[in-house]
Protein backbone atom coordinates (compact mmCIF):
# COMPACT_ATOMS: atom_id res chain seq x y z
CA MET A 1 19.35 123.68 56.87
CA ASN A 2 22.11 121.24 57.54
CA SER A 3 24.61 120.03 55.00
CA SER A 4 25.09 116.32 54.52
CA SER A 5 28.21 116.36 56.69
CA GLU A 6 26.47 117.77 59.78
CA PRO A 7 24.52 114.73 61.08
CA SER A 8 27.71 112.96 62.17
CA THR A 9 28.80 116.13 64.01
CA GLN A 10 25.39 116.37 65.68
CA ALA A 11 25.42 112.67 66.54
CA PHE A 12 28.71 113.26 68.37
CA ALA A 13 27.18 116.23 70.19
CA ILE A 14 24.28 114.13 71.50
CA SER A 15 26.72 112.19 73.68
CA ARG A 16 27.34 115.49 75.48
CA ALA A 17 23.71 116.66 75.50
CA GLN A 18 22.74 118.65 78.55
CA VAL A 19 19.39 119.75 79.92
CA GLY A 20 18.45 123.04 78.29
CA ASP A 21 20.28 122.41 75.00
CA GLN A 22 18.32 123.67 71.98
CA LEU A 23 18.05 121.51 68.86
CA ALA A 24 18.76 123.25 65.55
CA PRO A 25 15.33 124.33 64.22
CA PHE A 26 13.74 122.68 61.18
CA SER A 27 11.59 125.04 59.06
CA ARG A 28 9.28 124.75 56.07
CA HIS A 29 7.03 127.23 54.28
CA THR A 30 3.66 125.50 54.10
CA ASP A 31 1.36 125.86 51.14
CA PHE A 32 -0.49 123.83 48.54
CA ASP A 33 2.77 122.62 46.95
CA ASN A 34 3.97 121.00 50.20
CA TRP A 35 0.57 119.60 51.04
CA ASN A 36 0.02 118.15 47.55
CA ARG A 37 3.32 116.24 47.73
CA TYR A 38 2.44 114.89 51.18
CA ALA A 39 -1.10 114.03 50.08
CA ALA A 40 0.18 112.20 46.99
CA VAL A 41 2.46 109.96 49.05
CA ASN A 42 -0.22 109.24 51.67
CA ASP A 43 -3.34 109.32 49.45
CA GLU A 44 -4.67 112.04 51.74
CA PHE A 45 -6.29 114.59 49.42
CA LEU A 46 -8.57 116.35 51.89
CA PRO A 47 -10.70 119.20 50.53
CA HIS A 48 -9.88 121.51 53.47
CA SER A 49 -6.16 121.12 52.69
CA MET A 50 -6.54 121.76 48.96
CA ASN A 51 -9.10 124.54 48.77
CA ASP A 52 -9.68 127.72 50.80
CA ASP A 53 -13.45 127.62 50.21
CA ALA A 54 -13.69 124.08 51.56
CA ALA A 55 -11.75 125.13 54.68
CA ARG A 56 -13.98 128.20 55.15
CA SER A 57 -17.05 125.94 54.97
CA GLU A 58 -15.58 124.16 58.03
CA GLY A 59 -15.04 127.42 59.93
CA PHE A 60 -11.37 128.07 59.12
CA PRO A 61 -10.06 131.29 57.55
CA LYS A 62 -8.27 129.39 54.75
CA ALA A 63 -6.93 125.95 53.86
CA PHE A 64 -5.01 124.10 56.55
CA GLY A 65 -2.40 121.35 56.47
CA MET A 66 -2.35 117.80 57.70
CA GLY A 67 -1.39 117.21 61.34
CA ASN A 68 0.78 114.24 60.44
CA LEU A 69 2.87 116.50 58.20
CA GLN A 70 3.71 118.54 61.32
CA LEU A 71 4.64 115.26 62.99
CA SER A 72 6.99 114.51 60.07
CA TYR A 73 8.68 117.90 60.59
CA LEU A 74 9.26 117.00 64.25
CA HIS A 75 10.63 113.64 63.14
CA SER A 76 13.02 115.47 60.77
CA LEU A 77 14.10 117.72 63.65
CA LEU A 78 14.92 114.67 65.77
CA ARG A 79 16.66 112.86 62.92
CA GLN A 80 18.94 115.84 62.18
CA PHE A 81 19.81 115.93 65.91
CA ILE A 82 20.63 112.24 66.40
CA GLY A 83 22.15 111.53 62.99
CA PRO A 84 21.81 108.35 60.93
CA ASN A 85 22.79 105.94 63.72
CA GLY A 86 20.54 107.29 66.45
CA CYS A 87 17.17 105.83 67.38
CA ILE A 88 13.89 107.65 67.95
CA LEU A 89 12.39 105.69 70.85
CA ARG A 90 9.15 107.59 71.44
CA VAL A 91 7.27 110.64 70.20
CA ASP A 92 4.11 111.96 71.84
CA VAL A 93 2.45 115.01 70.25
CA GLN A 94 -0.79 116.93 70.78
CA PHE A 95 -2.11 119.20 68.03
CA ARG A 96 -3.29 122.52 69.46
CA ASN A 97 -3.79 124.80 66.44
CA SER A 98 -4.10 124.41 62.67
CA ASN A 99 -1.27 125.04 60.22
CA LEU A 100 -2.86 127.56 57.86
CA ARG A 101 -1.82 127.94 54.23
CA GLY A 102 1.13 130.31 53.77
CA GLN A 103 2.63 130.01 57.24
CA MET A 104 6.30 129.38 57.93
CA LEU A 105 6.31 126.38 60.26
CA THR A 106 9.33 125.69 62.46
CA ALA A 107 9.94 122.58 64.56
CA HIS A 108 11.81 123.21 67.82
CA GLY A 109 13.20 121.04 70.58
CA THR A 110 14.86 121.47 73.97
CA VAL A 111 16.66 118.73 75.88
CA SER A 112 14.70 118.12 79.09
CA ASP A 113 16.53 115.10 80.56
CA VAL A 114 19.59 112.94 79.95
CA GLN A 115 19.80 109.43 81.41
CA GLY A 116 22.78 107.49 80.07
CA ASP A 117 22.27 107.04 76.33
CA THR A 118 18.65 108.28 76.42
CA VAL A 119 17.83 111.92 75.86
CA SER A 120 14.34 113.34 76.50
CA ILE A 121 13.27 116.32 74.43
CA ASP A 122 10.40 118.80 74.67
CA LEU A 123 9.09 119.39 71.13
CA TRP A 124 6.84 121.91 69.43
CA THR A 125 5.95 123.37 66.07
CA GLN A 126 5.52 127.11 65.85
CA GLU A 127 4.17 129.33 63.11
CA ASP A 128 5.85 132.56 62.03
CA GLU A 129 3.84 134.77 64.40
CA GLY A 130 4.88 132.68 67.42
CA SER A 131 1.84 130.49 68.11
CA ARG A 132 2.60 126.88 68.97
CA LEU A 133 0.64 124.48 66.79
CA ALA A 134 1.75 121.13 68.20
CA VAL A 135 3.48 120.33 71.48
CA GLY A 136 4.95 117.12 72.80
CA THR A 137 7.90 115.10 73.98
CA ALA A 138 10.31 112.57 72.55
CA SER A 139 12.97 110.18 73.72
CA VAL A 140 15.97 109.36 71.57
CA SER A 141 19.07 107.25 72.00
CA PHE A 142 22.36 106.82 70.22
């Protein structure tokens, strides 16, 4: 994780971003504690995210997390890259697999294009065994 002094360093680095640059990963262990906090803020207490039996009744091996929480992890990845003065212009994500209870989820990004002050980034979340759960793109500026 980054210390509070790093965003300004990263914001400076974005001005020199090059195609192929990797963003510093953003990771979270996902479980009921994380999901309950997210659900409380968003009033999104879904049985399949709070109870393994409910998830199994829907055909999943155990409880699974909210897709928008994965999106928030990608947002955090972008924010730590661009710093407090950067702007997230666009994020487009497709959810491909479920985030099952107990997984370590890591958000990743790779710079795919640089046009002036706008940087395009390929994004994805990945669980600890290597499967990509969400994939997408973003554009940021500074």
